[in-house]
Protein backbone atom coordinates (compact mmCIF):
# COMPACT_ATOMS: atom_id res chain seq x y z
CA MET A 1 171.99 100.29 111.81
CA GLU A 2 170.60 99.36 108.40
CA ARG A 3 167.70 97.50 110.00
CA LYS A 4 166.92 100.53 112.14
CA LEU A 5 166.91 102.82 109.09
CA LEU A 6 164.75 100.37 107.15
CA LYS A 7 162.28 100.21 110.03
CA MET A 8 162.14 104.01 110.24
CA PHE A 9 161.62 104.17 106.46
CA LYS A 10 158.69 101.72 106.64
CA ILE A 11 157.10 103.72 109.47
CA ALA A 12 157.48 106.92 107.44
CA ILE A 13 155.91 105.28 104.37
CA ARG A 14 152.97 104.03 106.42
CA GLY A 15 152.39 107.56 107.66
CA LEU A 16 152.80 109.20 104.27
CA VAL A 17 150.44 106.89 102.34
CA PRO A 18 147.29 108.01 104.21
CA LEU A 19 148.40 111.63 103.90
CA PHE A 20 148.93 111.18 100.16
CA MET A 21 145.48 109.60 99.79
CA LEU A 22 143.91 112.51 101.67
CA PHE A 23 145.78 114.93 99.41
CA VAL A 24 144.49 113.16 96.27
CA ILE A 25 140.89 113.15 97.57
CA PHE A 26 141.10 116.79 98.62
CA SER A 27 142.63 117.78 95.25
CA ALA A 28 139.91 115.93 93.30
CA SER A 29 137.21 117.56 95.43
CA ALA A 30 138.80 121.00 95.00
CA GLN A 31 139.02 120.51 91.22
CA LYS A 32 135.36 119.47 91.08
CA GLU A 33 134.29 122.52 93.10
CA GLU A 34 136.36 124.77 90.86
CA ARG A 35 134.79 123.23 87.74
CA ILE A 36 131.29 123.72 89.17
CA LYS A 37 132.13 127.32 89.99
CA GLU A 38 133.34 127.93 86.43
CA ASN A 39 130.26 126.23 84.97
CA LYS A 40 127.93 128.35 87.10
CA LYS A 41 129.67 131.46 85.85
CA PHE A 42 129.25 130.24 82.26
CA ASN A 43 125.57 129.38 82.83
CA GLU A 44 124.79 132.90 84.03
CA ARG A 45 124.86 134.02 80.38
CA CYS A 46 122.04 131.59 79.61
CA PHE A 47 120.07 132.32 82.77
CA ALA A 48 120.22 136.04 81.98
CA CYS A 49 117.32 135.32 79.58
CA HIS A 50 116.02 131.89 80.50
CA LYS A 51 115.30 132.59 84.17
CA SER A 52 112.76 135.25 83.25
CA SER A 53 109.39 135.35 81.50
CA THR A 54 110.75 138.02 79.13
CA TYR A 55 114.02 138.58 77.30
CA THR A 56 115.63 141.38 75.32
CA TYR A 57 117.49 141.24 72.01
CA PHE A 58 118.65 143.61 69.30
CA ASN A 59 116.52 143.54 66.14
CA PRO A 60 118.71 144.68 63.20
CA GLU A 61 115.66 145.11 60.96
CA MET A 62 114.15 147.61 63.38
CA ASP A 63 117.55 148.89 64.52
CA LYS A 64 116.56 148.78 68.19
CA LYS A 65 116.32 146.55 71.25
CA VAL A 66 113.15 144.53 71.52
CA ARG A 67 111.61 142.92 74.63
CA ASP A 68 109.71 139.71 73.96
CA LYS A 69 107.96 136.95 75.92
CA MET A 70 109.93 133.84 76.78
CA CYS A 71 108.23 130.57 75.88
CA PRO A 72 107.12 129.05 79.24
CA ASP A 73 108.81 125.73 78.36
CA ARG A 74 112.12 127.58 78.01
CA VAL A 75 111.99 129.25 81.43
CA ILE A 76 114.49 127.58 83.80
CA TYR A 77 114.87 128.79 87.36
CA PRO A 78 118.48 128.69 88.65
CA ASP A 79 117.44 127.63 92.18
CA GLU A 80 115.67 124.56 90.81
CA TYR A 81 118.47 123.75 88.39
CA TYR A 82 121.17 123.85 91.08
CA GLN A 83 119.14 121.44 93.23
CA SER A 84 118.79 118.96 90.37
CA ASN A 85 120.96 115.94 89.58
CA HIS A 86 122.67 117.85 86.76
CA TYR A 87 123.60 120.88 88.86
CA SER A 88 127.32 120.56 88.06
CA PHE A 89 126.89 120.81 84.27
CA LYS A 90 127.23 123.82 82.06
CA CYS A 91 124.46 124.30 79.52
CA THR A 92 126.58 123.39 76.50
CA ASP A 93 127.52 120.04 78.03
CA CYS A 94 124.13 118.90 76.70
CA HIS A 95 123.22 121.63 74.22
CA SER A 96 125.09 122.65 71.08
CA GLU A 97 128.08 124.99 71.42
CA GLU A 98 126.34 127.13 68.81
CA TYR A 99 124.03 128.40 71.53
CA ASP A 100 126.92 130.67 72.48
CA SER A 101 125.74 133.01 69.74
CA PHE A 102 122.67 135.18 70.30
CA PRO A 103 120.06 135.36 68.92
CA HIS A 104 120.30 131.58 68.61
CA PRO A 105 120.15 130.04 65.12
CA VAL A 106 116.59 128.83 64.50
CA TYR A 107 117.67 125.36 63.36
CA LEU A 108 119.04 124.61 66.84
CA ARG A 109 115.46 124.13 68.03
CA MET A 110 115.45 120.90 66.08
CA GLU A 111 118.54 119.47 67.72
CA GLU A 112 118.10 115.92 69.01
CA LYS A 113 118.04 115.56 72.76
CA TYR A 114 120.24 113.10 74.56
CA ALA A 115 118.59 110.11 76.22
CA CYS A 116 119.63 109.09 79.75
CA ILE A 117 121.41 106.02 78.41
CA ASP A 118 123.61 108.16 76.12
CA CYS A 119 125.52 109.49 79.12
CA HIS A 120 124.77 107.03 81.91
CA GLY A 121 124.72 103.70 80.08
CA TYR A 122 127.54 101.16 80.09
CA ASP A 123 129.66 103.32 82.37
CA GLU A 124 131.25 101.84 85.52
CA ASP A 125 130.76 105.14 87.37
CA TYR A 126 126.98 104.69 87.10
CA ALA A 127 126.82 100.89 87.27
CA GLN A 128 125.11 100.90 90.69
CA TYR A 129 122.10 102.72 89.23
CA GLN A 130 121.42 100.00 86.62
CA PHE A 131 120.60 102.42 83.77
CA GLU A 132 120.74 99.57 81.26
CA GLN A 133 117.94 97.74 83.09
CA ILE A 134 115.97 100.98 83.42
CA GLU A 135 116.25 101.48 79.65
CA GLU A 136 115.15 97.90 79.04
CA GLU A 137 112.15 98.31 81.34
CA PHE A 138 111.17 101.62 79.78
CA LEU A 139 111.26 100.17 76.25
CA GLY A 140 108.92 97.41 77.42
CA SER A 141 106.53 99.78 79.21
CA ILE A 142 103.17 100.96 77.91
CA HIS A 143 104.64 104.45 77.56
CA SER A 144 107.15 103.24 74.98
CA THR A 145 105.24 100.43 73.25
CA LYS A 146 102.15 102.61 72.73
CA HIS A 147 103.83 105.90 71.85
CA SER A 148 107.19 104.74 70.44
CA GLU A 149 109.74 107.54 69.99
CA ASP A 150 107.16 110.22 70.81
CA PHE A 151 107.61 109.29 74.47
CA ASN A 152 111.13 109.77 75.84
CA CYS A 153 112.90 110.17 79.18
CA TRP A 154 112.25 113.91 79.27
CA MET A 155 108.48 113.47 79.25
CA CYS A 156 108.80 112.53 82.93
CA HIS A 157 112.30 113.64 83.92
CA ASP A 158 113.05 117.27 83.09
CA ALA A 159 116.84 117.36 82.83
CA HIS A 160 116.92 120.90 84.27
CA THR A 161 114.99 120.14 87.47
CA TYR A 162 114.88 116.38 88.03
CA ARG A 163 116.35 114.97 91.24
CA ILE A 164 116.15 111.45 92.62
CA ALA A 165 113.83 111.98 95.56
CA ALA A 166 114.21 108.45 96.93
CA ARG A 167 117.92 109.05 97.59
CA SER A 168 117.82 112.72 98.59
CA VAL A 169 114.67 113.01 100.71
CA GLU A 170 114.16 111.40 104.12
CA LEU A 171 110.39 111.75 104.51
CA ILE A 172 108.32 109.24 102.57
CA LYS A 173 105.47 111.75 102.16
CA GLU A 174 107.79 114.13 100.28
CA ILE A 175 108.94 111.32 97.98
CA ILE A 176 105.32 110.39 97.28
CA GLU A 177 104.32 113.97 96.50
CA TYR A 178 107.35 114.62 94.27
CA ASP A 179 107.01 111.38 92.28
CA ASN A 180 103.23 111.64 91.87
CA LEU A 181 103.53 115.18 90.53
CA ILE A 182 105.67 113.74 87.72
CA CYS A 183 102.77 111.48 86.68
CA LEU A 184 100.19 114.22 87.14
CA SER A 185 102.22 116.67 85.04
CA CYS A 186 100.90 114.70 82.07
CA HIS A 187 97.85 112.78 83.31
CA ALA A 188 96.32 115.91 84.87
CA ASN A 189 97.59 118.38 82.27
CA ILE A 190 95.68 118.30 79.00
CA GLU A 191 98.21 120.48 77.14
CA LYS A 192 101.11 118.12 77.82
CA TYR A 193 98.89 115.05 77.39
CA ASN A 194 97.89 116.20 73.90
CA LEU A 195 101.54 116.22 72.80
CA ILE A 196 101.28 112.46 72.38
CA MET A 197 97.55 111.73 72.63
CA GLU A 198 94.54 113.32 71.00
CA GLY A 199 91.27 113.84 72.80
CA THR A 200 90.38 114.43 76.43
CA ASN A 201 92.60 113.35 79.28
CA ALA A 202 90.89 110.80 81.53
CA ASN A 203 89.86 112.10 84.94
CA ILE A 204 92.11 110.46 87.55
CA LEU A 205 89.44 110.57 90.26
CA THR A 206 86.88 108.90 87.98
CA THR A 207 89.18 106.14 86.71
CA HIS A 208 90.15 105.35 90.30
CA GLY A 209 86.57 105.50 91.56
CA TRP A 210 86.74 101.82 92.60
CA LEU A 211 89.53 102.55 95.11
CA PRO A 212 88.36 102.66 98.77
CA ASN A 213 89.52 105.72 100.75
CA GLN A 214 90.78 107.22 97.52
CA ALA A 215 92.23 110.44 98.98
CA LEU A 216 94.12 108.49 101.66
CA HIS A 217 95.69 106.21 99.05
CA PHE A 218 96.73 109.13 96.82
CA LYS A 219 98.38 110.79 99.81
CA ASN A 220 100.29 107.73 101.02
CA VAL A 221 101.39 105.75 97.93
CA ARG A 222 102.88 106.61 94.58
CA CYS A 223 101.18 105.89 91.26
CA ILE A 224 104.00 103.53 90.32
CA GLU A 225 103.31 101.28 93.31
CA CYS A 226 100.26 99.93 91.49
CA HIS A 227 101.11 100.69 87.88
CA THR A 228 104.59 99.15 87.50
CA ALA A 229 106.04 95.65 87.76
CA VAL A 230 108.44 95.29 90.68
CA ASN A 231 112.12 94.82 89.83
CA ASN A 232 114.37 93.95 92.77
CA ASP A 233 117.52 95.09 90.97
CA ILE A 234 116.63 98.76 90.48
CA LEU A 235 115.45 101.38 92.96
CA VAL A 236 112.49 102.72 90.96
CA ALA A 237 110.60 100.43 88.58
CA HIS A 238 110.08 101.78 85.03
CA LEU A 239 108.00 98.97 83.53
CA VAL A 240 104.69 100.87 83.47
CA GLN A 241 101.96 98.37 82.68
CA PRO A 242 98.60 98.66 80.88
CA LYS A 243 95.79 99.67 83.24
CA LYS A 244 94.29 96.16 83.11
CA ASP A 245 97.48 94.83 84.75
CA ALA A 246 97.60 97.41 87.54
CA VAL A 247 97.28 96.25 91.15
CA HIS A 248 93.60 95.90 92.13
CA ASN A 249 93.94 93.32 94.90
CA CYS A 250 94.06 94.99 98.32
CA VAL A 251 95.95 92.05 99.83
CA GLU A 252 99.02 92.78 97.70
CA CYS A 253 99.77 95.76 99.96
CA HIS A 254 97.64 95.01 103.02
CA SER A 255 99.47 91.84 104.06
CA ALA A 256 102.60 90.73 105.91
CA ASN A 257 104.32 90.24 102.55
CA SER A 258 103.44 93.79 101.50
CA HIS A 259 104.04 94.89 97.92
CA LEU A 260 105.15 98.25 99.38
CA MET A 261 108.28 96.74 100.89
CA ALA A 262 109.55 95.90 97.39
CA SER A 263 108.72 99.32 95.97
CA LEU A 264 108.08 102.46 98.04
CA TYR A 265 110.13 101.35 101.07
CA LYS A 266 112.82 99.49 99.14
CA PHE A 267 115.53 102.10 99.66
CA ARG A 268 115.20 102.04 103.43
CA THR A 269 117.95 100.13 105.21
CA ILE A 270 116.03 99.90 108.49
CA GLU A 271 115.10 96.40 109.67
CA THR A 272 111.68 95.22 108.53
CA ARG A 273 110.62 94.41 112.06
CA SER A 274 110.75 97.05 114.78
CA ASN A 275 111.70 96.50 118.40
CA VAL A 276 108.04 96.40 119.46
CA GLY A 277 107.27 93.51 117.14
CA PHE A 278 105.46 95.17 114.24
CA MET A 279 105.79 93.42 110.88
CA ASN A 280 107.23 95.70 108.13
CA GLY A 281 108.03 98.14 110.93
CA VAL A 282 109.70 100.60 108.54
CA ILE A 283 106.27 101.50 107.15
CA LEU A 284 105.21 102.68 110.62
CA ASN A 285 107.67 105.56 110.33
CA GLU A 286 105.10 107.26 108.09
CA SER A 287 101.74 105.46 108.31
CA PHE A 288 99.88 102.38 109.51
CA VAL A 289 98.85 100.00 106.74
CA ILE A 290 96.11 97.61 107.78
CA GLY A 291 97.29 94.03 107.31
CA ALA A 292 100.92 94.98 106.59
CA ASN A 293 101.65 96.24 110.10
CA ARG A 294 100.28 93.42 112.23
CA ASN A 295 101.98 93.18 115.62
CA VAL A 296 103.58 89.79 116.26
CA PHE A 297 103.11 89.99 120.04
CA LEU A 298 99.46 90.96 119.73
CA ASN A 299 98.92 88.15 117.23
CA LYS A 300 100.33 85.60 119.67
CA MET A 301 98.44 87.11 122.59
CA SER A 302 95.16 87.01 120.65
CA MET A 303 95.78 83.38 119.70
CA GLY A 304 96.53 82.53 123.35
CA ILE A 305 93.35 84.22 124.56
CA PHE A 306 91.36 82.41 121.87
CA ILE A 307 92.77 78.99 122.87
CA LEU A 308 92.19 79.68 126.61
CA SER A 309 88.61 80.73 125.84
CA ILE A 310 87.96 77.49 123.92
CA MET A 311 89.49 75.48 126.77
CA ALA A 312 87.34 77.31 129.32
CA ILE A 313 84.19 76.61 127.29
CA LEU A 314 85.14 72.92 126.99
CA MET A 315 85.86 72.66 130.72
CA HIS A 316 82.54 74.32 131.49
CA PHE A 317 80.76 71.92 129.14
CA ILE A 318 82.47 68.86 130.73
CA LEU A 319 81.69 70.03 134.26
CA ARG A 320 78.03 70.55 133.35
CA LEU A 321 77.88 67.00 132.00
CA ILE A 322 79.45 65.60 135.17
CA THR A 323 77.24 67.55 137.59
CA LYS A 324 74.13 66.69 135.59
CA LYS A 325 74.76 62.98 136.19
């Protein structure tokens, strides 16, 4: 009898454990959703002004409400924010609690911004993203070594809108467009460029005048494919190099051992050779890269035809010698 009860108890435990795990997961998910809902409600107070090009406040000196223009850099669109990586945050998770008061104290404009590593570094929850290596690469990049503290994470990654395209977008073309716009937001925008550099911004088309089929390259590869050193441990390389060290050799991409497989197509988990025998077959999902997408079967067939042709010529030559005698 005791054995029977013990057996029934074990069966019950085995059934309850999965149910308990599901309950814990569901509870955690429900709590997260509730927190996001509360944060969105809190954020509406900020978006009431910051989602528009104008805002209204009470001026005690004039004893009336005044409508004024919002600084363009302070305009944040809710739709873009809630598609970003930080969508679950409330504004004061990153900004001072003193922003609760309005009008905001002027000195808050001088508050120091967090860096990515402040929140994401040395945390097991984010270990897979290798933020420590990203920080190390960034500090060694031309952006940091040339501009020091004037250049920070937010120059490229707006905390209110940034999303990791390589993990959230399926189409390579969309990833390319999104990532290249980050570079062009400075290198094709003189106002932002002059925040850290004086003078005229170099014309991208002119500086890349040496590049064959320039428009085709701009459409199909990211700037960082040629301008960063590849790091196999992180998804997106951050070691931006001086222009003299950028890729200029066509063979680095247009070959079987294509540079693109270690950069642009790194995140793909598809096999590098398709069923029809193309090398680096994953690239064919979006484009054909001369040299990188050679077909193994066609290579062998061409070699076979070449050898047979040589043999036929030799046989013809031998037969001519024999018949001539």
